[in-house]
Protein backbone atom coordinates (compact mmCIF):
# COMPACT_ATOMS: atom_id res chain seq x y z
CA UNK A 1 123.43 141.91 139.26
CA UNK A 2 122.77 139.16 136.76
CA UNK A 3 119.72 136.95 136.45
CA UNK A 4 120.38 133.27 137.18
CA UNK A 5 119.95 130.94 134.21
CA UNK A 6 116.66 129.07 133.87
CA UNK A 7 117.14 125.34 134.49
CA UNK A 8 116.49 123.22 131.36
CA UNK A 9 113.53 121.48 133.03
CA UNK A 10 111.80 124.74 133.92
CA UNK A 11 109.52 126.52 131.49
CA UNK A 12 109.09 130.26 131.21
CA UNK A 13 105.71 131.59 132.27
CA UNK A 14 103.38 131.54 129.28
CA UNK A 15 105.86 129.70 127.02
CA UNK A 16 105.05 126.20 125.75
CA UNK A 17 106.94 123.31 127.31
CA UNK A 18 108.93 121.96 124.35
CA UNK A 19 111.56 119.29 123.99
CA UNK A 20 114.60 120.05 121.89
CA UNK A 21 115.37 117.76 118.95
CA UNK A 22 118.75 117.15 117.38
CA UNK A 23 119.08 114.76 114.44
CA UNK A 24 122.11 114.00 112.30
CA UNK A 25 120.23 113.86 109.01
CA UNK A 26 123.10 112.22 107.14
CA UNK A 27 122.77 109.22 109.51
CA UNK A 28 119.02 108.75 108.94
CA UNK A 29 118.01 106.23 106.27
CA UNK A 30 116.00 107.36 103.27
CA UNK A 31 112.48 105.87 103.19
CA UNK A 32 111.29 105.10 99.67
CA UNK A 33 107.87 106.53 98.95
CA UNK A 34 105.41 104.58 96.81
CA UNK A 35 106.10 106.94 93.89
CA UNK A 36 109.22 105.44 92.31
CA UNK A 37 112.33 107.61 92.66
CA UNK A 38 111.01 109.71 95.59
CA UNK A 39 112.45 109.25 99.10
CA UNK A 40 112.02 111.03 102.43
CA UNK A 41 113.60 111.56 105.81
CA UNK A 42 110.85 112.80 108.12
CA UNK A 43 112.50 115.20 110.55
CA UNK A 44 109.54 116.54 112.50
CA UNK A 45 105.76 116.12 112.58
CA UNK A 46 103.05 117.72 114.70
CA UNK A 47 100.38 115.04 115.03
CA UNK A 48 97.72 117.60 115.97
CA UNK A 49 98.20 120.11 113.14
CA UNK A 50 99.85 117.67 110.68
CA UNK A 51 102.60 120.24 110.05
CA UNK A 52 105.85 118.58 108.91
CA UNK A 53 109.49 119.17 108.06
CA UNK A 54 111.21 116.55 105.90
CA UNK A 55 114.09 116.02 103.54
CA UNK A 56 112.80 114.84 100.17
CA UNK A 57 115.05 113.27 97.57
CA UNK A 58 114.02 113.02 93.91
CA UNK A 59 116.09 110.75 91.69
CA UNK A 60 117.03 112.28 88.34
CA UNK A 61 114.11 111.96 85.91
CA UNK A 62 111.42 111.65 88.59
CA UNK A 63 108.94 114.09 90.02
CA UNK A 64 105.29 114.61 90.78
CA UNK A 65 103.35 113.55 87.67
CA UNK A 66 100.20 115.72 87.86
CA UNK A 67 98.99 119.19 88.76
CA UNK A 68 97.75 119.27 92.35
CA UNK A 69 97.12 121.51 95.35
CA UNK A 70 97.76 121.40 99.08
CA UNK A 71 95.49 122.16 102.02
CA UNK A 72 98.29 124.08 103.76
CA UNK A 73 101.21 126.27 102.81
CA UNK A 74 104.20 124.43 101.31
CA UNK A 75 107.76 125.68 101.70
CA UNK A 76 110.90 124.20 100.14
CA UNK A 77 114.60 124.97 100.25
CA UNK A 78 116.69 123.26 97.58
CA UNK A 79 119.89 121.79 99.01
CA UNK A 80 121.19 120.12 95.84
CA UNK A 81 120.12 119.37 92.29
CA UNK A 82 117.73 120.99 89.84
CA UNK A 83 113.95 120.62 90.26
CA UNK A 84 111.46 122.15 87.82
CA UNK A 85 107.75 122.95 87.95
CA UNK A 86 107.29 122.21 84.26
CA UNK A 87 103.98 124.05 83.71
CA UNK A 88 105.44 127.38 84.85
CA UNK A 89 109.16 126.89 84.28
CA UNK A 90 109.98 127.63 87.93
CA UNK A 91 113.31 125.91 88.69
CA UNK A 92 114.74 125.25 92.13
CA UNK A 93 118.53 125.11 92.37
CA UNK A 94 120.77 124.95 95.46
CA UNK A 95 119.90 127.83 97.76
CA UNK A 96 116.44 128.44 96.25
CA UNK A 97 113.51 129.07 98.60
CA UNK A 98 110.07 128.16 97.23
CA UNK A 99 106.74 129.07 98.82
CA UNK A 100 103.51 127.64 97.45
CA UNK A 101 100.37 129.01 99.15
CA UNK A 102 97.61 126.62 100.14
CA UNK A 103 95.05 125.98 97.42
CA UNK A 104 97.41 126.98 94.58
CA UNK A 105 97.41 124.42 91.77
CA UNK A 106 100.99 123.63 90.70
CA UNK A 107 102.95 120.84 89.03
CA UNK A 108 103.81 118.55 87.44
CA UNK A 109 107.48 118.53 88.41
CA UNK A 110 110.70 117.01 87.11
CA UNK A 111 114.10 116.49 88.74
CA UNK A 112 116.69 117.25 86.05
CA UNK A 113 119.39 115.99 88.46
CA UNK A 114 119.31 114.02 91.69
CA UNK A 115 117.69 116.62 93.95
CA UNK A 116 117.31 117.07 97.71
CA UNK A 117 114.96 119.64 99.23
CA UNK A 118 113.85 120.55 102.72
CA UNK A 119 110.06 120.49 102.48
CA UNK A 120 107.81 122.04 105.13
CA UNK A 121 104.04 122.19 105.49
CA UNK A 122 102.24 124.24 108.14
CA UNK A 123 99.33 121.79 108.20
CA UNK A 124 97.90 118.81 106.29
CA UNK A 125 99.51 118.12 102.92
CA UNK A 126 96.62 117.08 100.64
CA UNK A 127 92.81 117.18 100.84
CA UNK A 128 92.85 113.49 99.74
CA UNK A 129 95.64 111.03 98.92
CA UNK A 130 96.87 111.71 95.36
CA UNK A 131 96.59 108.84 92.85
CA UNK A 132 100.37 108.66 92.39
CA UNK A 133 100.83 107.44 95.99
CA UNK A 134 99.79 103.86 96.80
CA UNK A 135 100.53 104.30 100.52
CA UNK A 136 98.44 106.76 102.57
CA UNK A 137 101.46 107.71 104.73
CA UNK A 138 103.25 109.03 101.63
CA UNK A 139 100.65 111.80 101.39
CA UNK A 140 101.16 113.02 104.96
């Protein structure tokens, strides 16, 4: 005897009621951030926790200009390019997974090639908007 499938509109007891999301990321436009040469495609954001998942593109020769820290854990997967944390020599290349724990000072960075990463935060990005961003939404 098999169990009947759960209808899509029904939620399992104790499980959160979530909506599925499907995006074709190649069809989404890049949004230029206020730091020249940095672009994003925001894929998901939790307005309560401020957790996010985004594609970030760094044009060759650009990066984050100063050491900084985050108020949550930062995770990145490099999809293409070569992206370096110049103070430590850590280099992300295609297939690299990077985890930066909250409160850890890191940077500056430099994209040696046009680079695209999946960037995830499990909460707010910065304690305050960094000086290199003119627009508050670029820091969230």
